[in-house]
PDB file of N, CA and C in Angstrom:
ATOM      1  N   MET A   1      -1.269  28.157 -13.875  1.00  0.00           N
ATOM      2  CA  MET A   1      -1.896  29.405 -14.256  1.00  0.00           C
ATOM      3  C   MET A   1      -1.252  30.535 -13.452  1.00  0.00           C
ATOM      4  N   ASP A   2      -0.863  31.616 -14.131  1.00  0.00           N
ATOM      5  CA  ASP A   2      -0.209  32.701 -13.405  1.00  0.00           C
ATOM      6  C   ASP A   2      -1.227  33.566 -12.666  1.00  0.00           C
ATOM      7  N   GLN A   3      -0.717  34.370 -11.756  1.00  0.00           N
ATOM      8  CA  GLN A   3      -1.577  35.166 -10.874  1.00  0.00           C
ATOM      9  C   GLN A   3      -2.426  36.172 -11.649  1.00  0.00           C
ATOM     10  N   ARG A   4      -1.878  36.746 -12.729  1.00  0.00           N
ATOM     11  CA  ARG A   4      -2.659  37.711 -13.508  1.00  0.00           C
ATOM     12  C   ARG A   4      -3.882  37.055 -14.135  1.00  0.00           C
ATOM     13  N   ALA A   5      -3.714  35.834 -14.619  1.00  0.00           N
ATOM     14  CA  ALA A   5      -4.845  35.118 -15.220  1.00  0.00           C
ATOM     15  C   ALA A   5      -5.897  34.790 -14.164  1.00  0.00           C
ATOM     16  N   ILE A   6      -5.444  34.389 -12.993  1.00  0.00           N
ATOM     17  CA  ILE A   6      -6.368  34.087 -11.892  1.00  0.00           C
ATOM     18  C   ILE A   6      -7.139  35.345 -11.499  1.00  0.00           C
ATOM     19  N   ASN A   7      -6.424  36.463 -11.363  1.00  0.00           N
ATOM     20  CA  ASN A   7      -7.079  37.727 -10.999  1.00  0.00           C
ATOM     21  C   ASN A   7      -8.093  38.154 -12.055  1.00  0.00           C
ATOM     22  N   ALA A   8      -7.742  37.994 -13.327  1.00  0.00           N
ATOM     23  CA  ALA A   8      -8.659  38.359 -14.410  1.00  0.00           C
ATOM     24  C   ALA A   8      -9.905  37.481 -14.374  1.00  0.00           C
ATOM     25  N   TYR A   9      -9.709  36.187 -14.123  1.00  0.00           N
ATOM     26  CA  TYR A   9     -10.840  35.262 -14.035  1.00  0.00           C
ATOM     27  C   TYR A   9     -11.761  35.653 -12.879  1.00  0.00           C
ATOM     28  N   GLN A  10     -11.169  35.937 -11.722  1.00  0.00           N
ATOM     29  CA  GLN A  10     -11.964  36.301 -10.552  1.00  0.00           C
ATOM     30  C   GLN A  10     -12.718  37.608 -10.778  1.00  0.00           C
ATOM     31  N   LYS A  11     -12.058  38.578 -11.385  1.00  0.00           N
ATOM     32  CA  LYS A  11     -12.718  39.856 -11.666  1.00  0.00           C
ATOM     33  C   LYS A  11     -13.883  39.654 -12.626  1.00  0.00           C
ATOM     34  N   ASN A  12     -13.681  38.832 -13.648  1.00  0.00           N
ATOM     35  CA  ASN A  12     -14.744  38.550 -14.610  1.00  0.00           C
ATOM     36  C   ASN A  12     -15.922  37.844 -13.934  1.00  0.00           C
ATOM     37  N   ALA A  13     -15.614  36.909 -13.043  1.00  0.00           N
ATOM     38  CA  ALA A  13     -16.675  36.185 -12.329  1.00  0.00           C
ATOM     39  C   ALA A  13     -17.525  37.150 -11.507  1.00  0.00           C
ATOM     40  N   ILE A  14     -16.885  38.114 -10.879  1.00  0.00           N
ATOM     41  CA  ILE A  14     -17.611  39.091 -10.066  1.00  0.00           C
ATOM     42  C   ILE A  14     -18.434  40.025 -10.946  1.00  0.00           C
ATOM     43  N   MET A  15     -17.830  40.484 -12.026  1.00  0.00           N
ATOM     44  CA  MET A  15     -18.501  41.459 -12.898  1.00  0.00           C
ATOM     45  C   MET A  15     -19.714  40.864 -13.616  1.00  0.00           C
ATOM     46  N   THR A  16     -19.712  39.560 -13.837  1.00  0.00           N
ATOM     47  CA  THR A  16     -20.813  38.930 -14.574  1.00  0.00           C
ATOM     48  C   THR A  16     -21.795  38.191 -13.667  1.00  0.00           C
ATOM     49  N   ALA A  17     -21.559  38.222 -12.369  1.00  0.00           N
ATOM     50  CA  ALA A  17     -22.413  37.486 -11.431  1.00  0.00           C
ATOM     51  C   ALA A  17     -23.736  38.215 -11.203  1.00  0.00           C
ATOM     52  N   SER A  18     -24.774  37.430 -10.962  1.00  0.00           N
ATOM     53  CA  SER A  18     -26.069  37.997 -10.578  1.00  0.00           C
ATOM     54  C   SER A  18     -25.993  38.468  -9.122  1.00  0.00           C
ATOM     55  N   LYS A  19     -27.009  39.202  -8.679  1.00  0.00           N
ATOM     56  CA  LYS A  19     -27.049  39.636  -7.279  1.00  0.00           C
ATOM     57  C   LYS A  19     -27.046  38.437  -6.338  1.00  0.00           C
ATOM     58  N   ALA A  20     -27.769  37.395  -6.720  1.00  0.00           N
ATOM     59  CA  ALA A  20     -27.819  36.186  -5.888  1.00  0.00           C
ATOM     60  C   ALA A  20     -26.443  35.537  -5.805  1.00  0.00           C
ATOM     61  N   GLU A  21     -25.742  35.483  -6.935  1.00  0.00           N
ATOM     62  CA  GLU A  21     -24.402  34.885  -6.946  1.00  0.00           C
ATOM     63  C   GLU A  21     -23.413  35.738  -6.157  1.00  0.00           C
ATOM     64  N   LEU A  22     -23.548  37.050  -6.243  1.00  0.00           N
ATOM     65  CA  LEU A  22     -22.681  37.934  -5.454  1.00  0.00           C
ATOM     66  C   LEU A  22     -22.903  37.725  -3.960  1.00  0.00           C
ATOM     67  N   THR A  23     -24.159  37.554  -3.570  1.00  0.00           N
ATOM     68  CA  THR A  23     -24.466  37.285  -2.165  1.00  0.00           C
ATOM     69  C   THR A  23     -23.807  35.988  -1.720  1.00  0.00           C
ATOM     70  N   LEU A  24     -23.899  34.965  -2.554  1.00  0.00           N
ATOM     71  CA  LEU A  24     -23.258  33.687  -2.241  1.00  0.00           C
ATOM     72  C   LEU A  24     -21.743  33.863  -2.121  1.00  0.00           C
ATOM     73  N   MET A  25     -21.152  34.640  -3.017  1.00  0.00           N
ATOM     74  CA  MET A  25     -19.708  34.898  -2.958  1.00  0.00           C
ATOM     75  C   MET A  25     -19.331  35.592  -1.648  1.00  0.00           C
ATOM     76  N   LEU A  26     -20.179  36.506  -1.198  1.00  0.00           N
ATOM     77  CA  LEU A  26     -19.902  37.184   0.072  1.00  0.00           C
ATOM     78  C   LEU A  26     -19.965  36.214   1.247  1.00  0.00           C
ATOM     79  N   TYR A  27     -20.980  35.352   1.255  1.00  0.00           N
ATOM     80  CA  TYR A  27     -21.031  34.331   2.312  1.00  0.00           C
ATOM     81  C   TYR A  27     -19.771  33.470   2.275  1.00  0.00           C
ATOM     82  N   ASP A  28     -19.384  33.032   1.080  1.00  0.00           N
ATOM     83  CA  ASP A  28     -18.182  32.207   0.948  1.00  0.00           C
ATOM     84  C   ASP A  28     -16.942  32.962   1.423  1.00  0.00           C
ATOM     85  N   GLY A  29     -16.886  34.257   1.119  1.00  0.00           N
ATOM     86  CA  GLY A  29     -15.760  35.067   1.581  1.00  0.00           C
ATOM     87  C   GLY A  29     -15.713  35.160   3.095  1.00  0.00           C
ATOM     88  N   ALA A  30     -16.856  35.382   3.720  1.00  0.00           N
ATOM     89  CA  ALA A  30     -16.904  35.457   5.183  1.00  0.00           C
ATOM     90  C   ALA A  30     -16.450  34.138   5.800  1.00  0.00           C
ATOM     91  N   ILE A  31     -16.879  33.030   5.212  1.00  0.00           N
ATOM     92  CA  ILE A  31     -16.467  31.712   5.703  1.00  0.00           C
ATOM     93  C   ILE A  31     -14.967  31.536   5.537  1.00  0.00           C
ATOM     94  N   LYS A  32     -14.451  31.932   4.374  1.00  0.00           N
ATOM     95  CA  LYS A  32     -13.007  31.814   4.120  1.00  0.00           C
ATOM     96  C   LYS A  32     -12.212  32.614   5.153  1.00  0.00           C
ATOM     97  N   PHE A  33     -12.614  33.864   5.401  1.00  0.00           N
ATOM     98  CA  PHE A  33     -11.881  34.696   6.349  1.00  0.00           C
ATOM     99  C   PHE A  33     -11.972  34.144   7.771  1.00  0.00           C
ATOM    100  N   CYS A  34     -13.116  33.597   8.143  1.00  0.00           N
ATOM    101  CA  CYS A  34     -13.251  32.972   9.465  1.00  0.00           C
ATOM    102  C   CYS A  34     -12.339  31.754   9.582  1.00  0.00           C
ATOM    103  N   ASN A  35     -12.269  30.960   8.531  1.00  0.00           N
ATOM    104  CA  ASN A  35     -11.398  29.782   8.555  1.00  0.00           C
ATOM    105  C   ASN A  35      -9.927  30.173   8.648  1.00  0.00           C
ATOM    106  N   ILE A  36      -9.540  31.234   7.946  1.00  0.00           N
ATOM    107  CA  ILE A  36      -8.156  31.711   8.043  1.00  0.00           C
ATOM    108  C   ILE A  36      -7.879  32.186   9.469  1.00  0.00           C
ATOM    109  N   ALA A  37      -8.832  32.917  10.054  1.00  0.00           N
ATOM    110  CA  ALA A  37      -8.674  33.368  11.438  1.00  0.00           C
ATOM    111  C   ALA A  37      -8.555  32.175  12.383  1.00  0.00           C
ATOM    112  N   LEU A  38      -9.376  31.146  12.151  1.00  0.00           N
ATOM    113  CA  LEU A  38      -9.292  29.941  12.991  1.00  0.00           C
ATOM    114  C   LEU A  38      -7.908  29.324  12.939  1.00  0.00           C
ATOM    115  N   SER A  39      -7.319  29.303  11.750  1.00  0.00           N
ATOM    116  CA  SER A  39      -5.977  28.719  11.631  1.00  0.00           C
ATOM    117  C   SER A  39      -4.959  29.538  12.420  1.00  0.00           C
ATOM    118  N   GLY A  40      -5.235  30.819  12.635  1.00  0.00           N
ATOM    119  CA  GLY A  40      -4.345  31.650  13.429  1.00  0.00           C
ATOM    120  C   GLY A  40      -4.371  31.318  14.911  1.00  0.00           C
ATOM    121  N   PHE A  41      -5.469  30.751  15.392  1.00  0.00           N
ATOM    122  CA  PHE A  41      -5.558  30.384  16.807  1.00  0.00           C
ATOM    123  C   PHE A  41      -4.558  29.291  17.163  1.00  0.00           C
ATOM    124  N   GLU A  42      -4.329  28.369  16.237  1.00  0.00           N
ATOM    125  CA  GLU A  42      -3.427  27.247  16.508  1.00  0.00           C
ATOM    126  C   GLU A  42      -2.018  27.721  16.855  1.00  0.00           C
ATOM    127  N   LYS A  43      -1.549  28.772  16.163  1.00  0.00           N
ATOM    128  CA  LYS A  43      -0.181  29.257  16.360  1.00  0.00           C
ATOM    129  C   LYS A  43      -0.142  30.606  17.074  1.00  0.00           C
ATOM    130  N   LYS A  44      -1.284  31.020  17.606  1.00  0.00           N
ATOM    131  CA  LYS A  44      -1.392  32.307  18.303  1.00  0.00           C
ATOM    132  C   LYS A  44      -0.911  33.460  17.416  1.00  0.00           C
ATOM    133  N   GLU A  45      -1.359  33.427  16.161  1.00  0.00           N
ATOM    134  CA  GLU A  45      -1.028  34.479  15.198  1.00  0.00           C
ATOM    135  C   GLU A  45      -2.119  35.549  15.271  1.00  0.00           C
ATOM    136  N   TYR A  46      -1.969  36.431  16.248  1.00  0.00           N
ATOM    137  CA  TYR A  46      -3.027  37.377  16.568  1.00  0.00           C
ATOM    138  C   TYR A  46      -3.282  38.395  15.455  1.00  0.00           C
ATOM    139  N   GLU A  47      -2.250  38.777  14.732  1.00  0.00           N
ATOM    140  CA  GLU A  47      -2.460  39.708  13.618  1.00  0.00           C
ATOM    141  C   GLU A  47      -3.288  39.045  12.516  1.00  0.00           C
ATOM    142  N   LYS A  48      -3.003  37.787  12.252  1.00  0.00           N
ATOM    143  CA  LYS A  48      -3.768  37.024  11.252  1.00  0.00           C
ATOM    144  C   LYS A  48      -5.232  36.905  11.678  1.00  0.00           C
ATOM    145  N   ILE A  49      -5.448  36.625  12.947  1.00  0.00           N
ATOM    146  CA  ILE A  49      -6.809  36.515  13.479  1.00  0.00           C
ATOM    147  C   ILE A  49      -7.529  37.852  13.308  1.00  0.00           C
ATOM    148  N   ASN A  50      -6.892  38.923  13.767  1.00  0.00           N
ATOM    149  CA  ASN A  50      -7.498  40.253  13.715  1.00  0.00           C
ATOM    150  C   ASN A  50      -7.823  40.669  12.280  1.00  0.00           C
ATOM    151  N   THR A  51      -6.866  40.530  11.392  1.00  0.00           N
ATOM    152  CA  THR A  51      -7.056  40.954  10.001  1.00  0.00           C
ATOM    153  C   THR A  51      -8.233  40.237   9.357  1.00  0.00           C
ATOM    154  N   ASN A  52      -8.309  38.936   9.542  1.00  0.00           N
ATOM    155  CA  ASN A  52      -9.346  38.157   8.873  1.00  0.00           C
ATOM    156  C   ASN A  52     -10.706  38.280   9.542  1.00  0.00           C
ATOM    157  N   LEU A  53     -10.731  38.455  10.847  1.00  0.00           N
ATOM    158  CA  LEU A  53     -12.017  38.690  11.507  1.00  0.00           C
ATOM    159  C   LEU A  53     -12.578  40.053  11.107  1.00  0.00           C
ATOM    160  N   LYS A  54     -11.715  41.040  10.931  1.00  0.00           N
ATOM    161  CA  LYS A  54     -12.196  42.350  10.471  1.00  0.00           C
ATOM    162  C   LYS A  54     -12.771  42.254   9.063  1.00  0.00           C
ATOM    163  N   LYS A  55     -12.196  41.421   8.224  1.00  0.00           N
ATOM    164  CA  LYS A  55     -12.740  41.223   6.872  1.00  0.00           C
ATOM    165  C   LYS A  55     -14.115  40.557   6.944  1.00  0.00           C
ATOM    166  N   ALA A  56     -14.245  39.549   7.796  1.00  0.00           N
ATOM    167  CA  ALA A  56     -15.545  38.880   7.967  1.00  0.00           C
ATOM    168  C   ALA A  56     -16.568  39.858   8.540  1.00  0.00           C
ATOM    169  N   GLN A  57     -16.154  40.680   9.500  1.00  0.00           N
ATOM    170  CA  GLN A  57     -17.049  41.687  10.077  1.00  0.00           C
ATOM    171  C   GLN A  57     -17.530  42.663   9.007  1.00  0.00           C
ATOM    172  N   ALA A  58     -16.644  43.056   8.110  1.00  0.00           N
ATOM    173  CA  ALA A  58     -17.017  43.992   7.043  1.00  0.00           C
ATOM    174  C   ALA A  58     -18.082  43.386   6.135  1.00  0.00           C
ATOM    175  N   ILE A  59     -17.974  42.104   5.862  1.00  0.00           N
ATOM    176  CA  ILE A  59     -18.977  41.436   5.025  1.00  0.00           C
ATOM    177  C   ILE A  59     -20.321  41.396   5.740  1.00  0.00           C
ATOM    178  N   ILE A  60     -20.303  41.046   7.013  1.00  0.00           N
ATOM    179  CA  ILE A  60     -21.555  41.005   7.776  1.00  0.00           C
ATOM    180  C   ILE A  60     -22.160  42.413   7.858  1.00  0.00           C
ATOM    181  N   THR A  61     -21.329  43.419   8.030  1.00  0.00           N
ATOM    182  CA  THR A  61     -21.812  44.803   8.039  1.00  0.00           C
ATOM    183  C   THR A  61     -22.479  45.147   6.713  1.00  0.00           C
ATOM    184  N   GLU A  62     -21.901  44.700   5.622  1.00  0.00           N
ATOM    185  CA  GLU A  62     -22.491  44.951   4.300  1.00  0.00           C
ATOM    186  C   GLU A  62     -23.849  44.265   4.175  1.00  0.00           C
ATOM    187  N   PHE A  63     -23.946  43.028   4.658  1.00  0.00           N
ATOM    188  CA  PHE A  63     -25.245  42.346   4.641  1.00  0.00           C
ATOM    189  C   PHE A  63     -26.287  43.153   5.417  1.00  0.00           C
ATOM    190  N   ARG A  64     -25.904  43.650   6.582  1.00  0.00           N
ATOM    191  CA  ARG A  64     -26.837  44.419   7.406  1.00  0.00           C
ATOM    192  C   ARG A  64     -27.254  45.710   6.705  1.00  0.00           C
ATOM    193  N   ALA A  65     -26.309  46.350   6.056  1.00  0.00           N
ATOM    194  CA  ALA A  65     -26.587  47.635   5.402  1.00  0.00           C
ATOM    195  C   ALA A  65     -27.507  47.492   4.197  1.00  0.00           C
ATOM    196  N   THR A  66     -27.533  46.310   3.613  1.00  0.00           N
ATOM    197  CA  THR A  66     -28.330  46.127   2.394  1.00  0.00           C
ATOM    198  C   THR A  66     -29.663  45.428   2.643  1.00  0.00           C
ATOM    199  N   LEU A  67     -30.020  45.222   3.905  1.00  0.00           N
ATOM    200  CA  LEU A  67     -31.323  44.620   4.193  1.00  0.00           C
ATOM    201  C   LEU A  67     -32.438  45.539   3.705  1.00  0.00           C
ATOM    202  N   ASP A  68     -33.439  44.943   3.095  1.00  0.00           N
ATOM    203  CA  ASP A  68     -34.567  45.706   2.555  1.00  0.00           C
ATOM    204  C   ASP A  68     -35.721  45.664   3.552  1.00  0.00           C
ATOM    205  N   CYS A  69     -36.035  46.807   4.124  1.00  0.00           N
ATOM    206  CA  CYS A  69     -37.056  46.905   5.174  1.00  0.00           C
ATOM    207  C   CYS A  69     -38.474  46.647   4.679  1.00  0.00           C
ATOM    208  N   LYS A  70     -38.675  46.558   3.382  1.00  0.00           N
ATOM    209  CA  LYS A  70     -40.043  46.345   2.889  1.00  0.00           C
ATOM    210  C   LYS A  70     -40.492  44.891   3.043  1.00  0.00           C
ATOM    211  N   TYR A  71     -39.555  44.005   3.373  1.00  0.00           N
ATOM    212  CA  TYR A  71     -39.914  42.601   3.590  1.00  0.00           C
ATOM    213  C   TYR A  71     -40.002  42.326   5.086  1.00  0.00           C
ATOM    214  N   PRO A  72     -41.046  41.606   5.510  1.00  0.00           N
ATOM    215  CA  PRO A  72     -41.245  41.381   6.947  1.00  0.00           C
ATOM    216  C   PRO A  72     -40.096  40.641   7.636  1.00  0.00           C
ATOM    217  N   VAL A  73     -39.345  39.843   6.905  1.00  0.00           N
ATOM    218  CA  VAL A  73     -38.286  39.052   7.538  1.00  0.00           C
ATOM    219  C   VAL A  73     -37.010  39.847   7.769  1.00  0.00           C
ATOM    220  N   TRP A  74     -36.962  41.098   7.346  1.00  0.00           N
ATOM    221  CA  TRP A  74     -35.728  41.858   7.473  1.00  0.00           C
ATOM    222  C   TRP A  74     -35.278  41.965   8.927  1.00  0.00           C
ATOM    223  N   GLU A  75     -36.227  42.075   9.853  1.00  0.00           N
ATOM    224  CA  GLU A  75     -35.860  42.186  11.268  1.00  0.00           C
ATOM    225  C   GLU A  75     -35.226  40.898  11.779  1.00  0.00           C
ATOM    226  N   ASP A  76     -35.709  39.758  11.300  1.00  0.00           N
ATOM    227  CA  ASP A  76     -35.111  38.477  11.687  1.00  0.00           C
ATOM    228  C   ASP A  76     -33.672  38.391  11.183  1.00  0.00           C
ATOM    229  N   PHE A  77     -33.467  38.785   9.928  1.00  0.00           N
ATOM    230  CA  PHE A  77     -32.110  38.785   9.372  1.00  0.00           C
ATOM    231  C   PHE A  77     -31.212  39.758  10.135  1.00  0.00           C
ATOM    232  N   GLU A  78     -31.745  40.912  10.476  1.00  0.00           N
ATOM    233  CA  GLU A  78     -30.964  41.904  11.224  1.00  0.00           C
ATOM    234  C   GLU A  78     -30.509  41.323  12.560  1.00  0.00           C
ATOM    235  N   ARG A  79     -31.393  40.618  13.238  1.00  0.00           N
ATOM    236  CA  ARG A  79     -31.030  40.010  14.530  1.00  0.00           C
ATOM    237  C   ARG A  79     -29.942  38.952  14.356  1.00  0.00           C
ATOM    238  N   VAL A  80     -30.069  38.133  13.320  1.00  0.00           N
ATOM    239  CA  VAL A  80     -29.056  37.096  13.074  1.00  0.00           C
ATOM    240  C   VAL A  80     -27.719  37.743  12.733  1.00  0.00           C
ATOM    241  N   TYR A  81     -27.741  38.705  11.813  1.00  0.00           N
ATOM    242  CA  TYR A  81     -26.490  39.378  11.437  1.00  0.00           C
ATOM    243  C   TYR A  81     -25.874  40.109  12.623  1.00  0.00           C
ATOM    244  N   ASP A  82     -26.701  40.729  13.452  1.00  0.00           N
ATOM    245  CA  ASP A  82     -26.193  41.410  14.641  1.00  0.00           C
ATOM    246  C   ASP A  82     -25.518  40.418  15.579  1.00  0.00           C
ATOM    247  N   TYR A  83     -26.142  39.264  15.764  1.00  0.00           N
ATOM    248  CA  TYR A  83     -25.555  38.252  16.645  1.00  0.00           C
ATOM    249  C   TYR A  83     -24.227  37.748  16.085  1.00  0.00           C
ATOM    250  N   ILE A  84     -24.197  37.451  14.788  1.00  0.00           N
ATOM    251  CA  ILE A  84     -22.955  36.993  14.157  1.00  0.00           C
ATOM    252  C   ILE A  84     -21.869  38.054  14.329  1.00  0.00           C
ATOM    253  N   TYR A  85     -22.223  39.295  14.072  1.00  0.00           N
ATOM    254  CA  TYR A  85     -21.264  40.392  14.180  1.00  0.00           C
ATOM    255  C   TYR A  85     -20.702  40.479  15.603  1.00  0.00           C
ATOM    256  N   ARG A  86     -21.587  40.399  16.598  1.00  0.00           N
ATOM    257  CA  ARG A  86     -21.123  40.464  17.990  1.00  0.00           C
ATOM    258  C   ARG A  86     -20.230  39.281  18.344  1.00  0.00           C
ATOM    259  N   CYS A  87     -20.545  38.103  17.813  1.00  0.00           N
ATOM    260  CA  CYS A  87     -19.676  36.936  18.031  1.00  0.00           C
ATOM    261  C   CYS A  87     -18.293  37.176  17.436  1.00  0.00           C
ATOM    262  N   LEU A  88     -18.254  37.745  16.231  1.00  0.00           N
ATOM    263  CA  LEU A  88     -16.967  38.032  15.587  1.00  0.00           C
ATOM    264  C   LEU A  88     -16.172  39.064  16.380  1.00  0.00           C
ATOM    265  N   ILE A  89     -16.857  40.087  16.880  1.00  0.00           N
ATOM    266  CA  ILE A  89     -16.191  41.107  17.703  1.00  0.00           C
ATOM    267  C   ILE A  89     -15.627  40.469  18.973  1.00  0.00           C
ATOM    268  N   ASP A  90     -16.453  39.680  19.661  1.00  0.00           N
ATOM    269  CA  ASP A  90     -15.997  39.016  20.889  1.00  0.00           C
ATOM    270  C   ASP A  90     -14.829  38.081  20.609  1.00  0.00           C
ATOM    271  N   ALA A  91     -14.929  37.340  19.513  1.00  0.00           N
ATOM    272  CA  ALA A  91     -13.842  36.423  19.151  1.00  0.00           C
ATOM    273  C   ALA A  91     -12.552  37.195  18.942  1.00  0.00           C
ATOM    274  N   ASN A  92     -12.652  38.357  18.337  1.00  0.00           N
ATOM    275  CA  ASN A  92     -11.464  39.150  18.045  1.00  0.00           C
ATOM    276  C   ASN A  92     -10.903  39.810  19.302  1.00  0.00           C
ATOM    277  N   ILE A  93     -11.750  40.442  20.075  1.00  0.00           N
ATOM    278  CA  ILE A  93     -11.284  41.152  21.270  1.00  0.00           C
ATOM    279  C   ILE A  93     -10.707  40.185  22.300  1.00  0.00           C
ATOM    280  N   HIS A  94     -11.422  39.091  22.536  1.00  0.00           N
ATOM    281  CA  HIS A  94     -11.031  38.161  23.601  1.00  0.00           C
ATOM    282  C   HIS A  94     -10.256  36.953  23.085  1.00  0.00           C
ATOM    283  N   LYS A  95      -9.990  36.935  21.783  1.00  0.00           N
ATOM    284  CA  LYS A  95      -9.323  35.790  21.138  1.00  0.00           C
ATOM    285  C   LYS A  95     -10.017  34.495  21.569  1.00  0.00           C
ATOM    286  N   ASP A  96     -11.326  34.505  21.358  1.00  0.00           N
ATOM    287  CA  ASP A  96     -12.212  33.428  21.785  1.00  0.00           C
ATOM    288  C   ASP A  96     -12.573  32.552  20.587  1.00  0.00           C
ATOM    289  N   GLU A  97     -11.916  31.417  20.505  1.00  0.00           N
ATOM    290  CA  GLU A  97     -12.123  30.504  19.375  1.00  0.00           C
ATOM    291  C   GLU A  97     -13.548  29.953  19.347  1.00  0.00           C
ATOM    292  N   GLU A  98     -14.137  29.715  20.517  1.00  0.00           N
ATOM    293  CA  GLU A  98     -15.509  29.197  20.569  1.00  0.00           C
ATOM    294  C   GLU A  98     -16.506  30.189  19.970  1.00  0.00           C
ATOM    295  N   LYS A  99     -16.329  31.468  20.250  1.00  0.00           N
ATOM    296  CA  LYS A  99     -17.217  32.489  19.671  1.00  0.00           C
ATOM    297  C   LYS A  99     -17.069  32.525  18.155  1.00  0.00           C
ATOM    298  N   LEU A 100     -15.847  32.356  17.682  1.00  0.00           N
ATOM    299  CA  LEU A 100     -15.628  32.330  16.238  1.00  0.00           C
ATOM    300  C   LEU A 100     -16.299  31.110  15.620  1.00  0.00           C
ATOM    301  N   GLN A 101     -16.183  29.961  16.285  1.00  0.00           N
ATOM    302  CA  GLN A 101     -16.839  28.744  15.784  1.00  0.00           C
ATOM    303  C   GLN A 101     -18.357  28.943  15.724  1.00  0.00           C
ATOM    304  N   GLU A 102     -18.902  29.619  16.716  1.00  0.00           N
ATOM    305  CA  GLU A 102     -20.346  29.867  16.744  1.00  0.00           C
ATOM    306  C   GLU A 102     -20.761  30.775  15.583  1.00  0.00           C
ATOM    307  N   ALA A 103     -20.007  31.849  15.374  1.00  0.00           N
ATOM    308  CA  ALA A 103     -20.298  32.748  14.249  1.00  0.00           C
ATOM    309  C   ALA A 103     -20.201  31.997  12.930  1.00  0.00           C
ATOM    310  N   LEU A 104     -19.179  31.194  12.792  1.00  0.00           N
ATOM    311  CA  LEU A 104     -18.963  30.432  11.561  1.00  0.00           C
ATOM    312  C   LEU A 104     -20.111  29.464  11.303  1.00  0.00           C
ATOM    313  N   LYS A 105     -20.612  28.852  12.361  1.00  0.00           N
ATOM    314  CA  LYS A 105     -21.752  27.941  12.217  1.00  0.00           C
ATOM    315  C   LYS A 105     -22.960  28.673  11.626  1.00  0.00           C
ATOM    316  N   TYR A 106     -23.245  29.850  12.146  1.00  0.00           N
ATOM    317  CA  TYR A 106     -24.394  30.616  11.643  1.00  0.00           C
ATOM    318  C   TYR A 106     -24.162  31.133  10.225  1.00  0.00           C
ATOM    319  N   ILE A 107     -22.949  31.554   9.928  1.00  0.00           N
ATOM    320  CA  ILE A 107     -22.659  32.021   8.565  1.00  0.00           C
ATOM    321  C   ILE A 107     -22.837  30.871   7.578  1.00  0.00           C
ATOM    322  N   ARG A 108     -22.357  29.694   7.951  1.00  0.00           N
ATOM    323  CA  ARG A 108     -22.531  28.526   7.067  1.00  0.00           C
ATOM    324  C   ARG A 108     -24.008  28.196   6.871  1.00  0.00           C
ATOM    325  N   GLU A 109     -24.785  28.263   7.944  1.00  0.00           N
ATOM    326  CA  GLU A 109     -26.226  28.000   7.826  1.00  0.00           C
ATOM    327  C   GLU A 109     -26.893  29.014   6.907  1.00  0.00           C
ATOM    328  N   MET A 110     -26.516  30.275   7.039  1.00  0.00           N
ATOM    329  CA  MET A 110     -27.079  31.316   6.172  1.00  0.00           C
ATOM    330  C   MET A 110     -26.681  31.061   4.716  1.00  0.00           C
ATOM    331  N   ARG A 111     -25.425  30.700   4.496  1.00  0.00           N
ATOM    332  CA  ARG A 111     -24.959  30.411   3.144  1.00  0.00           C
ATOM    333  C   ARG A 111     -25.701  29.217   2.561  1.00  0.00           C
ATOM    334  N   ASP A 112     -25.834  28.151   3.335  1.00  0.00           N
ATOM    335  CA  ASP A 112     -26.522  26.953   2.847  1.00  0.00           C
ATOM    336  C   ASP A 112     -27.987  27.245   2.533  1.00  0.00           C
ATOM    337  N   THR A 113     -28.620  28.049   3.367  1.00  0.00           N
ATOM    338  CA  THR A 113     -30.008  28.444   3.107  1.00  0.00           C
ATOM    339  C   THR A 113     -30.088  29.258   1.824  1.00  0.00           C
ATOM    340  N   TRP A 114     -29.145  30.170   1.641  1.00  0.00           N
ATOM    341  CA  TRP A 114     -29.135  30.992   0.435  1.00  0.00           C
ATOM    342  C   TRP A 114     -28.955  30.131  -0.812  1.00  0.00           C
ATOM    343  N   LYS A 115     -28.046  29.142  -0.730  1.00  0.00           N
ATOM    344  CA  LYS A 115     -27.841  28.240  -1.874  1.00  0.00           C
ATOM    345  C   LYS A 115     -29.121  27.486  -2.207  1.00  0.00           C
ATOM    346  N   GLU A 116     -29.852  27.079  -1.184  1.00  0.00           N
ATOM    347  CA  GLU A 116     -31.112  26.363  -1.400  1.00  0.00           C
ATOM    348  C   GLU A 116     -32.149  27.288  -2.041  1.00  0.00           C
ATOM    349  N   VAL A 117     -32.213  28.526  -1.589  1.00  0.00           N
ATOM    350  CA  VAL A 117     -33.131  29.501  -2.192  1.00  0.00           C
ATOM    351  C   VAL A 117     -32.784  29.690  -3.668  1.00  0.00           C
ATOM    352  N   MET A 118     -31.499  29.802  -3.968  1.00  0.00           N
ATOM    353  CA  MET A 118     -31.073  29.955  -5.364  1.00  0.00           C
ATOM    354  C   MET A 118     -31.487  28.739  -6.191  1.00  0.00           C
ATOM    355  N   ARG A 119     -31.302  27.552  -5.611  1.00  0.00           N
ATOM    356  CA  ARG A 119     -31.645  26.323  -6.325  1.00  0.00           C
ATOM    357  C   ARG A 119     -33.146  26.257  -6.590  1.00  0.00           C
ATOM    358  N   LEU A 120     -33.941  26.559  -5.571  1.00  0.00           N
ATOM    359  CA  LEU A 120     -35.397  26.521  -5.730  1.00  0.00           C
ATOM    360  C   LEU A 120     -35.877  27.566  -6.733  1.00  0.00           C
ATOM    361  N   ASN A 121     -35.264  28.730  -6.701  1.00  0.00           N
ATOM    362  CA  ASN A 121     -35.628  29.786  -7.639  1.00  0.00           C
ATOM    363  C   ASN A 121     -35.305  29.365  -9.073  1.00  0.00           C
ATOM    364  N   LYS A 122     -34.173  28.731  -9.245  1.00  0.00           N
ATOM    365  CA  LYS A 122     -33.770  28.260 -10.577  1.00  0.00           C
ATOM    366  C   LYS A 122     -34.698  27.146 -11.055  1.00  0.00           C
ATOM    367  N   ALA A 123     -35.062  26.246 -10.140  1.00  0.00           N
ATOM    368  CA  ALA A 123     -35.947  25.131 -10.496  1.00  0.00           C
ATOM    369  C   ALA A 123     -37.356  25.625 -10.823  1.00  0.00           C
ATOM    370  N   GLY A 124     -37.761  26.724 -10.209  1.00  0.00           N
ATOM    371  CA  GLY A 124     -39.099  27.257 -10.425  1.00  0.00           C
ATOM    372  C   GLY A 124     -39.263  28.011 -11.731  1.00  0.00           C
ATOM    373  N   LYS A 125     -38.166  28.282 -12.387  1.00  0.00           N
ATOM    374  CA  LYS A 125     -38.243  29.048 -13.652  1.00  0.00           C
ATOM    375  C   LYS A 125     -38.496  28.164 -14.831  1.00  0.00           C
TER     376      LYS A 125
END
């Protein structure tokens, strides 16, 4: 499959996705960028680490910006996102692979929880 077809497919997937699916895509994107950054640690590819950690940070920033304060759990999510964000910043500034692993662990947990919420919501309909 050529790159134009892949790009068209990806654009269509985004344009037709529900809000829940878009959220899942963002979690998956953050995980992907963290994994790419992790691969940069092996070869000390600092530009690769920086570029991909900044992409993951941007996704976490977007999650924080879209929290809805009318729900009581928003403060809990804000604290988790803030912690993940600080781990990503520390990992980037200090080239700290352990901090990146910690952030990645929490992002994966958030993604897995979100997938379960989506599944339960679908089953409840």
